Amino acid sequence: MIYTLSKLFTAIFLPPGLLLLIFVFSIIFFKRAKIFLYIGLSISYLLTTTAFALYPLKLLEQEPIKPILTNEQSVVVLGGGAYNGHPHISFGSDALKRAIVGISYASRYDLPLYFTGGGDGIISEADAFKELFHGTLKEIGVNQNIEINLEQTSLNTVENARNLRNILHSNEIALVTSAYHMKRAELIFKHFGFKVTKVPTDYKRDYPSNLKWRDFLPSIGGIYKNYIYLHEVVGILSLMPQRIWP
C-alpha cells in the first residue's frame, strides 16, 4: 500500500504531473484571479530549466570521490530499475552505472558484492544484474571471480536495507548508488545499523559547475533534473513518519 501511494503521490505532485496540476488550477481560477496564471507560468518555467535544479542537486550530491575500501567490507549496489525483453542490457542508465561501479570496486578490492532490488516489473532488478554480469560483461572480459549475492524481493530503499540486514554477516559496507540518492540511502542504511562508506556514482551535474545560457532554457533535461531533486526531497521527508529520520 505504501509503495502504491508513494508512486501516486510522485506522479501527481512532481513534474510533469505538477505542471499539469498547475495548468488545471490556472484555468479554473483564471477568471477570478489572474495571479494564479502568472504564478503557474512562473513555477512551470522554473521546473523546466536546468539552472533551477543545479543548486538543489549540489545539496544532495557530494563532491566526486574515489573512496578506499577495506577487506572487512562488502560492496552493496542498489538497484535502479530494469526493463523486460531487452536482449543485451535490461538496465537503464542510472542502474547500469551503479552496477558497473559496484563490480569495479568488488573486483579491485576482492570483496563480495550484494546487489539488492526486486522492483514491480516482469524481470527483477536482481535478475537483470545477473544477466548483465554473466552475459554482456563476461563477453567483454570482466572478472567473473567476484562473489555475487542477490536480494530480489525489495521494492524500495528501506526494504533494501532491512532485507540486507538479515543477509549480511558484517555491518560494514561500501554503498553504491546514484550521487543524488546517496543522502537518503545513507540515512536509511545507518538507521538499520550499517557502517557506510559512500561510493556515489551517476552524478547529474558537472563538478565544478558553471551556469551556461542554455541552462535557462526550458528542456526535457531540465524537467528531469528538477524531478530528481524533488523526488529525493519527498523521499527524505517520507522517512519521518517511518521514524527513520531525523
C-alpha atoms as a PDB file:
ATOM      1  CA  MET A   1       0.000   0.000   0.000  1.00  0.00           C
ATOM      2  CA  ILE A   2       2.782   2.454   0.946  1.00  0.00           C
ATOM      3  CA  TYR A   3       4.614   1.641  -2.291  1.00  0.00           C
ATOM      4  CA  THR A   4       1.472   2.328  -4.372  1.00  0.00           C
ATOM      5  CA  LEU A   5       0.646   5.557  -2.541  1.00  0.00           C
ATOM      6  CA  SER A   6       4.199   6.847  -2.970  1.00  0.00           C
ATOM      7  CA  LYS A   7       4.033   6.211  -6.718  1.00  0.00           C
ATOM      8  CA  LEU A   8       0.668   8.013  -6.989  1.00  0.00           C
ATOM      9  CA  PHE A   9       1.961  10.955  -4.966  1.00  0.00           C
ATOM     10  CA  THR A  10       5.063  11.432  -7.109  1.00  0.00           C
ATOM     11  CA  ALA A  11       3.040  11.089 -10.326  1.00  0.00           C
ATOM     12  CA  ILE A  12       0.640  13.857  -9.286  1.00  0.00           C
ATOM     13  CA  PHE A  13       2.748  16.293  -7.256  1.00  0.00           C
ATOM     14  CA  LEU A  14       6.128  16.127  -9.032  1.00  0.00           C
ATOM     15  CA  PRO A  15       6.905  17.181 -12.623  1.00  0.00           C
ATOM     16  CA  PRO A  16       5.402  16.643 -15.137  1.00  0.00           C
ATOM     17  CA  GLY A  17       2.194  15.871 -13.198  1.00  0.00           C
ATOM     18  CA  LEU A  18       2.674  19.026 -11.115  1.00  0.00           C
ATOM     19  CA  LEU A  19       2.824  21.153 -14.269  1.00  0.00           C
ATOM     20  CA  LEU A  20      -0.477  19.708 -15.434  1.00  0.00           C
ATOM     21  CA  LEU A  21      -1.969  20.344 -11.990  1.00  0.00           C
ATOM     22  CA  ILE A  22      -0.838  23.972 -12.129  1.00  0.00           C
ATOM     23  CA  PHE A  23      -2.340  24.323 -15.610  1.00  0.00           C
ATOM     24  CA  VAL A  24      -5.698  22.963 -14.434  1.00  0.00           C
ATOM     25  CA  PHE A  25      -5.811  25.319 -11.443  1.00  0.00           C
ATOM     26  CA  SER A  26      -4.836  28.238 -13.674  1.00  0.00           C
ATOM     27  CA  ILE A  27      -7.814  27.514 -15.942  1.00  0.00           C
ATOM     28  CA  ILE A  28     -10.212  27.114 -13.007  1.00  0.00           C
ATOM     29  CA  PHE A  29      -9.191  30.320 -11.250  1.00  0.00           C
ATOM     30  CA  PHE A  30      -8.262  32.425 -14.275  1.00  0.00           C
ATOM     31  CA  LYS A  31     -11.480  34.474 -14.304  1.00  0.00           C
ATOM     32  CA  ARG A  32     -11.318  35.093 -10.564  1.00  0.00           C
ATOM     33  CA  ALA A  33      -7.647  35.897 -10.191  1.00  0.00           C
ATOM     34  CA  LYS A  34      -5.097  36.134 -12.966  1.00  0.00           C
ATOM     35  CA  ILE A  35      -2.373  35.872 -10.331  1.00  0.00           C
ATOM     36  CA  PHE A  36      -2.879  32.081 -10.343  1.00  0.00           C
ATOM     37  CA  LEU A  37      -1.997  32.001 -14.019  1.00  0.00           C
ATOM     38  CA  TYR A  38       1.133  34.098 -13.532  1.00  0.00           C
ATOM     39  CA  ILE A  39       2.259  32.016 -10.565  1.00  0.00           C
ATOM     40  CA  GLY A  40       1.596  28.834 -12.506  1.00  0.00           C
ATOM     41  CA  LEU A  41       3.571  30.007 -15.510  1.00  0.00           C
ATOM     42  CA  SER A  42       6.486  31.090 -13.298  1.00  0.00           C
ATOM     43  CA  ILE A  43       6.652  27.776 -11.457  1.00  0.00           C
ATOM     44  CA  SER A  44       6.337  25.876 -14.723  1.00  0.00           C
ATOM     45  CA  TYR A  45       9.251  27.820 -16.190  1.00  0.00           C
ATOM     46  CA  LEU A  46      11.486  27.218 -13.178  1.00  0.00           C
ATOM     47  CA  LEU A  47      10.729  23.485 -13.079  1.00  0.00           C
ATOM     48  CA  THR A  48      11.689  23.065 -16.736  1.00  0.00           C
ATOM     49  CA  THR A  49      15.133  24.722 -16.548  1.00  0.00           C
ATOM     50  CA  THR A  50      18.422  23.123 -15.581  1.00  0.00           C
ATOM     51  CA  ALA A  51      19.536  26.343 -13.871  1.00  0.00           C
ATOM     52  CA  PHE A  52      16.871  25.989 -11.194  1.00  0.00           C
ATOM     53  CA  ALA A  53      17.925  22.399 -10.437  1.00  0.00           C
ATOM     54  CA  LEU A  54      21.704  22.796 -10.141  1.00  0.00           C
ATOM     55  CA  TYR A  55      21.905  24.153  -6.586  1.00  0.00           C
ATOM     56  CA  PRO A  56      19.419  21.677  -5.046  1.00  0.00           C
ATOM     57  CA  LEU A  57      21.302  18.858  -6.785  1.00  0.00           C
ATOM     58  CA  LYS A  58      24.555  20.129  -5.271  1.00  0.00           C
ATOM     59  CA  LEU A  59      22.977  19.897  -1.812  1.00  0.00           C
ATOM     60  CA  LEU A  60      22.057  16.265  -2.477  1.00  0.00           C
ATOM     61  CA  GLU A  61      25.234  15.154  -4.207  1.00  0.00           C
ATOM     62  CA  GLN A  62      28.694  15.366  -2.685  1.00  0.00           C
ATOM     63  CA  GLU A  63      31.887  16.271  -4.469  1.00  0.00           C
ATOM     64  CA  PRO A  64      33.050  13.307  -6.593  1.00  0.00           C
ATOM     65  CA  ILE A  65      35.289  10.944  -4.621  1.00  0.00           C
ATOM     66  CA  LYS A  66      37.079   7.608  -5.030  1.00  0.00           C
ATOM     67  CA  PRO A  67      36.988   6.016  -1.563  1.00  0.00           C
ATOM     68  CA  ILE A  68      39.484   3.450  -0.323  1.00  0.00           C
ATOM     69  CA  LEU A  69      37.848   0.261   0.915  1.00  0.00           C
ATOM     70  CA  THR A  70      38.949  -2.364   3.438  1.00  0.00           C
ATOM     71  CA  ASN A  71      38.760  -6.151   3.334  1.00  0.00           C
ATOM     72  CA  GLU A  72      36.153  -6.155   6.136  1.00  0.00           C
ATOM     73  CA  GLN A  73      33.574  -4.524   3.904  1.00  0.00           C
ATOM     74  CA  SER A  74      31.001  -5.802   1.430  1.00  0.00           C
ATOM     75  CA  VAL A  75      30.039  -3.859  -1.673  1.00  0.00           C
ATOM     76  CA  VAL A  76      26.299  -3.132  -1.735  1.00  0.00           C
ATOM     77  CA  VAL A  77      24.750  -1.968  -5.006  1.00  0.00           C
ATOM     78  CA  LEU A  78      21.219  -0.558  -5.011  1.00  0.00           C
ATOM     79  CA  GLY A  79      19.024  -1.340  -7.998  1.00  0.00           C
ATOM     80  CA  GLY A  80      17.706   1.462 -10.165  1.00  0.00           C
ATOM     81  CA  GLY A  81      15.062  -0.109 -12.374  1.00  0.00           C
ATOM     82  CA  ALA A  82      15.046  -2.716 -15.145  1.00  0.00           C
ATOM     83  CA  TYR A  83      13.250  -3.217 -18.465  1.00  0.00           C
ATOM     84  CA  ASN A  84      11.839  -6.528 -19.602  1.00  0.00           C
ATOM     85  CA  GLY A  85      12.596  -8.043 -23.005  1.00  0.00           C
ATOM     86  CA  HIS A  86      15.845  -6.259 -23.815  1.00  0.00           C
ATOM     87  CA  PRO A  87      18.296  -8.684 -25.472  1.00  0.00           C
ATOM     88  CA  HIS A  88      21.581  -7.229 -24.194  1.00  0.00           C
ATOM     89  CA  ILE A  89      21.234  -4.872 -21.211  1.00  0.00           C
ATOM     90  CA  SER A  90      17.993  -4.606 -19.223  1.00  0.00           C
ATOM     91  CA  PHE A  91      19.151  -1.708 -17.051  1.00  0.00           C
ATOM     92  CA  GLY A  92      18.533   1.971 -17.627  1.00  0.00           C
ATOM     93  CA  SER A  93      21.493   4.355 -17.496  1.00  0.00           C
ATOM     94  CA  ASP A  94      21.308   5.043 -13.730  1.00  0.00           C
ATOM     95  CA  ALA A  95      21.166   1.368 -12.787  1.00  0.00           C
ATOM     96  CA  LEU A  96      23.889   0.452 -15.276  1.00  0.00           C
ATOM     97  CA  LYS A  97      26.316   2.998 -13.809  1.00  0.00           C
ATOM     98  CA  ARG A  98      25.656   1.696 -10.301  1.00  0.00           C
ATOM     99  CA  ALA A  99      26.238  -1.880 -11.406  1.00  0.00           C
ATOM    100  CA  ILE A 100      29.483  -1.161 -13.263  1.00  0.00           C
ATOM    101  CA  VAL A 101      30.946   0.904 -10.418  1.00  0.00           C
ATOM    102  CA  GLY A 102      29.967  -1.757  -7.865  1.00  0.00           C
ATOM    103  CA  ILE A 103      31.566  -4.535  -9.915  1.00  0.00           C
ATOM    104  CA  SER A 104      34.674  -2.400 -10.382  1.00  0.00           C
ATOM    105  CA  TYR A 105      35.164  -1.896  -6.622  1.00  0.00           C
ATOM    106  CA  ALA A 106      34.372  -5.514  -5.772  1.00  0.00           C
ATOM    107  CA  SER A 107      36.919  -6.686  -8.341  1.00  0.00           C
ATOM    108  CA  ARG A 108      39.596  -4.156  -7.334  1.00  0.00           C
ATOM    109  CA  TYR A 109      39.425  -4.965  -3.613  1.00  0.00           C
ATOM    110  CA  ASP A 110      38.402  -8.635  -3.913  1.00  0.00           C
ATOM    111  CA  LEU A 111      35.209  -8.082  -1.916  1.00  0.00           C
ATOM    112  CA  PRO A 112      31.829  -9.811  -2.030  1.00  0.00           C
ATOM    113  CA  LEU A 113      29.121  -7.893  -3.901  1.00  0.00           C
ATOM    114  CA  TYR A 114      25.496  -7.742  -2.797  1.00  0.00           C
ATOM    115  CA  PHE A 115      23.029  -6.476  -5.352  1.00  0.00           C
ATOM    116  CA  THR A 116      19.636  -5.554  -3.927  1.00  0.00           C
ATOM    117  CA  GLY A 117      16.463  -4.799  -5.858  1.00  0.00           C
ATOM    118  CA  GLY A 118      13.257  -6.541  -6.799  1.00  0.00           C
ATOM    119  CA  GLY A 119      11.026  -3.978  -8.459  1.00  0.00           C
ATOM    120  CA  ASP A 120       7.498  -4.417  -9.746  1.00  0.00           C
ATOM    121  CA  GLY A 121       8.304  -5.399 -13.337  1.00  0.00           C
ATOM    122  CA  ILE A 122       8.282  -8.778 -15.071  1.00  0.00           C
ATOM    123  CA  ILE A 123      12.038  -9.069 -14.591  1.00  0.00           C
ATOM    124  CA  SER A 124      13.506  -8.225 -11.186  1.00  0.00           C
ATOM    125  CA  GLU A 125      16.409  -5.817 -10.905  1.00  0.00           C
ATOM    126  CA  ALA A 126      18.492  -8.616  -9.374  1.00  0.00           C
ATOM    127  CA  ASP A 127      17.819 -10.895 -12.359  1.00  0.00           C
ATOM    128  CA  ALA A 128      18.753  -8.058 -14.710  1.00  0.00           C
ATOM    129  CA  PHE A 129      22.040  -7.667 -12.828  1.00  0.00           C
ATOM    130  CA  LYS A 130      22.745 -11.393 -13.086  1.00  0.00           C
ATOM    131  CA  GLU A 131      22.088 -11.340 -16.835  1.00  0.00           C
ATOM    132  CA  LEU A 132      24.361  -8.318 -17.241  1.00  0.00           C
ATOM    133  CA  PHE A 133      27.203  -9.814 -15.190  1.00  0.00           C
ATOM    134  CA  HIS A 134      27.168 -13.315 -16.701  1.00  0.00           C
ATOM    135  CA  GLY A 135      26.220 -12.101 -20.191  1.00  0.00           C
ATOM    136  CA  THR A 136      27.444  -8.863 -21.707  1.00  0.00           C
ATOM    137  CA  LEU A 137      30.141  -8.129 -19.114  1.00  0.00           C
ATOM    138  CA  LYS A 138      31.523 -11.665 -19.342  1.00  0.00           C
ATOM    139  CA  GLU A 139      31.749 -11.358 -23.122  1.00  0.00           C
ATOM    140  CA  ILE A 140      33.894  -8.233 -22.837  1.00  0.00           C
ATOM    141  CA  GLY A 141      36.224  -9.838 -20.309  1.00  0.00           C
ATOM    142  CA  VAL A 142      35.008  -8.574 -16.926  1.00  0.00           C
ATOM    143  CA  ASN A 143      36.324 -10.588 -13.964  1.00  0.00           C
ATOM    144  CA  GLN A 144      33.849 -13.402 -13.192  1.00  0.00           C
ATOM    145  CA  ASN A 145      35.510 -14.498  -9.950  1.00  0.00           C
ATOM    146  CA  ILE A 146      33.629 -11.945  -7.870  1.00  0.00           C
ATOM    147  CA  GLU A 147      31.332 -13.363  -5.198  1.00  0.00           C
ATOM    148  CA  ILE A 148      27.853 -12.209  -6.266  1.00  0.00           C
ATOM    149  CA  ASN A 149      24.868 -12.286  -3.895  1.00  0.00           C
ATOM    150  CA  LEU A 150      21.358 -11.243  -4.931  1.00  0.00           C
ATOM    151  CA  GLU A 151      18.474  -9.875  -2.881  1.00  0.00           C
ATOM    152  CA  GLN A 152      15.436  -9.651  -5.135  1.00  0.00           C
ATOM    153  CA  THR A 153      12.328  -9.051  -3.034  1.00  0.00           C
ATOM    154  CA  SER A 154      12.709  -5.386  -2.009  1.00  0.00           C
ATOM    155  CA  LEU A 155      10.667  -2.610  -3.620  1.00  0.00           C
ATOM    156  CA  ASN A 156      12.393   0.461  -2.180  1.00  0.00           C
ATOM    157  CA  THR A 157      15.497   1.594  -0.317  1.00  0.00           C
ATOM    158  CA  VAL A 158      14.039   0.919   3.134  1.00  0.00           C
ATOM    159  CA  GLU A 159      13.354  -2.680   2.145  1.00  0.00           C
ATOM    160  CA  ASN A 160      16.835  -2.896   0.575  1.00  0.00           C
ATOM    161  CA  ALA A 161      18.431  -2.099   3.921  1.00  0.00           C
ATOM    162  CA  ARG A 162      16.028  -4.149   6.043  1.00  0.00           C
ATOM    163  CA  ASN A 163      16.448  -7.273   3.896  1.00  0.00           C
ATOM    164  CA  LEU A 164      20.226  -6.990   3.711  1.00  0.00           C
ATOM    165  CA  ARG A 165      20.394  -6.654   7.498  1.00  0.00           C
ATOM    166  CA  ASN A 166      19.211 -10.283   7.645  1.00  0.00           C
ATOM    167  CA  ILE A 167      21.664 -11.452   4.953  1.00  0.00           C
ATOM    168  CA  LEU A 168      24.981  -9.728   5.569  1.00  0.00           C
ATOM    169  CA  HIS A 169      27.322 -11.114   8.221  1.00  0.00           C
ATOM    170  CA  SER A 170      29.099  -7.762   8.663  1.00  0.00           C
ATOM    171  CA  ASN A 171      27.618  -4.302   9.076  1.00  0.00           C
ATOM    172  CA  GLU A 172      30.500  -2.588   7.249  1.00  0.00           C
ATOM    173  CA  ILE A 173      29.514  -1.811   3.675  1.00  0.00           C
ATOM    174  CA  ALA A 174      30.603   0.214   0.667  1.00  0.00           C
ATOM    175  CA  LEU A 175      27.291   1.605  -0.548  1.00  0.00           C
ATOM    176  CA  VAL A 176      26.985   2.189  -4.292  1.00  0.00           C
ATOM    177  CA  THR A 177      24.118   4.283  -5.595  1.00  0.00           C
ATOM    178  CA  SER A 178      23.477   7.422  -7.627  1.00  0.00           C
ATOM    179  CA  ALA A 179      25.000  10.524  -6.054  1.00  0.00           C
ATOM    180  CA  TYR A 180      21.622  12.279  -5.839  1.00  0.00           C
ATOM    181  CA  HIS A 181      20.207   9.284  -3.937  1.00  0.00           C
ATOM    182  CA  MET A 182      23.130   8.845  -1.532  1.00  0.00           C
ATOM    183  CA  LYS A 183      21.871  11.130   1.274  1.00  0.00           C
ATOM    184  CA  ARG A 184      18.601   9.231   1.617  1.00  0.00           C
ATOM    185  CA  ALA A 185      20.257   5.833   1.204  1.00  0.00           C
ATOM    186  CA  GLU A 186      22.884   6.621   3.848  1.00  0.00           C
ATOM    187  CA  LEU A 187      20.215   7.750   6.344  1.00  0.00           C
ATOM    188  CA  ILE A 188      18.299   4.524   5.830  1.00  0.00           C
ATOM    189  CA  PHE A 189      21.234   2.131   5.991  1.00  0.00           C
ATOM    190  CA  LYS A 190      22.656   3.803   9.106  1.00  0.00           C
ATOM    191  CA  HIS A 191      19.230   3.506  10.720  1.00  0.00           C
ATOM    192  CA  PHE A 192      19.444  -0.263  10.229  1.00  0.00           C
ATOM    193  CA  GLY A 193      22.867  -0.413  11.882  1.00  0.00           C
ATOM    194  CA  PHE A 194      25.238  -0.327   8.911  1.00  0.00           C
ATOM    195  CA  LYS A 195      28.589   1.460   8.881  1.00  0.00           C
ATOM    196  CA  VAL A 196      28.569   3.122   5.479  1.00  0.00           C
ATOM    197  CA  THR A 197      31.405   4.077   3.165  1.00  0.00           C
ATOM    198  CA  LYS A 198      29.809   6.094   0.383  1.00  0.00           C
ATOM    199  CA  VAL A 199      30.582   5.207  -3.233  1.00  0.00           C
ATOM    200  CA  PRO A 200      28.471   7.676  -5.226  1.00  0.00           C
ATOM    201  CA  THR A 201      28.158   7.495  -8.997  1.00  0.00           C
ATOM    202  CA  ASP A 202      25.828   8.745 -11.733  1.00  0.00           C
ATOM    203  CA  TYR A 203      26.211  12.455 -10.997  1.00  0.00           C
ATOM    204  CA  LYS A 204      23.653  14.781 -12.591  1.00  0.00           C
ATOM    205  CA  ARG A 205      25.747  17.960 -12.719  1.00  0.00           C
ATOM    206  CA  ASP A 206      29.306  18.967 -13.524  1.00  0.00           C
ATOM    207  CA  TYR A 207      31.962  19.492 -10.836  1.00  0.00           C
ATOM    208  CA  PRO A 208      32.909  22.309 -10.839  1.00  0.00           C
ATOM    209  CA  SER A 209      29.752  23.621 -12.463  1.00  0.00           C
ATOM    210  CA  ASN A 210      29.276  26.953 -14.235  1.00  0.00           C
ATOM    211  CA  LEU A 211      25.916  28.202 -15.414  1.00  0.00           C
ATOM    212  CA  LYS A 212      25.536  28.446 -19.176  1.00  0.00           C
ATOM    213  CA  TRP A 213      22.972  30.497 -21.034  1.00  0.00           C
ATOM    214  CA  ARG A 214      21.228  27.365 -22.285  1.00  0.00           C
ATOM    215  CA  ASP A 215      20.657  26.247 -18.682  1.00  0.00           C
ATOM    216  CA  PHE A 216      17.960  28.931 -18.515  1.00  0.00           C
ATOM    217  CA  LEU A 217      16.049  27.479 -21.464  1.00  0.00           C
ATOM    218  CA  PRO A 218      13.183  25.023 -20.842  1.00  0.00           C
ATOM    219  CA  SER A 219      14.183  21.474 -21.723  1.00  0.00           C
ATOM    220  CA  ILE A 220      13.391  17.816 -21.085  1.00  0.00           C
ATOM    221  CA  GLY A 221      16.706  17.607 -19.249  1.00  0.00           C
ATOM    222  CA  GLY A 222      15.618  20.484 -17.006  1.00  0.00           C
ATOM    223  CA  ILE A 223      12.348  18.736 -16.129  1.00  0.00           C
ATOM    224  CA  TYR A 224      14.265  15.526 -15.402  1.00  0.00           C
ATOM    225  CA  LYS A 225      16.782  17.182 -13.077  1.00  0.00           C
ATOM    226  CA  ASN A 226      14.084  19.083 -11.206  1.00  0.00           C
ATOM    227  CA  TYR A 227      12.110  15.864 -10.850  1.00  0.00           C
ATOM    228  CA  ILE A 228      15.154  14.094  -9.403  1.00  0.00           C
ATOM    229  CA  TYR A 229      15.808  16.540  -6.576  1.00  0.00           C
ATOM    230  CA  LEU A 230      12.107  16.984  -5.746  1.00  0.00           C
ATOM    231  CA  HIS A 231      11.687  13.204  -5.660  1.00  0.00           C
ATOM    232  CA  GLU A 232      14.610  12.887  -3.253  1.00  0.00           C
ATOM    233  CA  VAL A 233      13.346  15.670  -1.000  1.00  0.00           C
ATOM    234  CA  VAL A 234       9.944  13.948  -0.798  1.00  0.00           C
ATOM    235  CA  GLY A 235      11.734  10.631  -0.202  1.00  0.00           C
ATOM    236  CA  ILE A 236      13.748  12.037   2.706  1.00  0.00           C
ATOM    237  CA  LEU A 237      10.664  13.652   4.259  1.00  0.00           C
ATOM    238  CA  SER A 238       8.818  10.329   3.942  1.00  0.00           C
ATOM    239  CA  LEU A 239      11.345   8.838   6.375  1.00  0.00           C
ATOM    240  CA  MET A 240       9.906  10.946   9.200  1.00  0.00           C
ATOM    241  CA  PRO A 241       6.619   9.046   9.694  1.00  0.00           C
ATOM    242  CA  GLN A 242       8.623   5.821   9.419  1.00  0.00           C
ATOM    243  CA  ARG A 243      10.804   7.054  12.326  1.00  0.00           C
ATOM    244  CA  ILE A 244      13.967   6.640  10.304  1.00  0.00           C
ATOM    245  CA  TRP A 245      14.842  10.360  10.149  1.00  0.00           C
ATOM    246  CA  PRO A 246      15.646  12.695  11.800  1.00  0.00           C
END
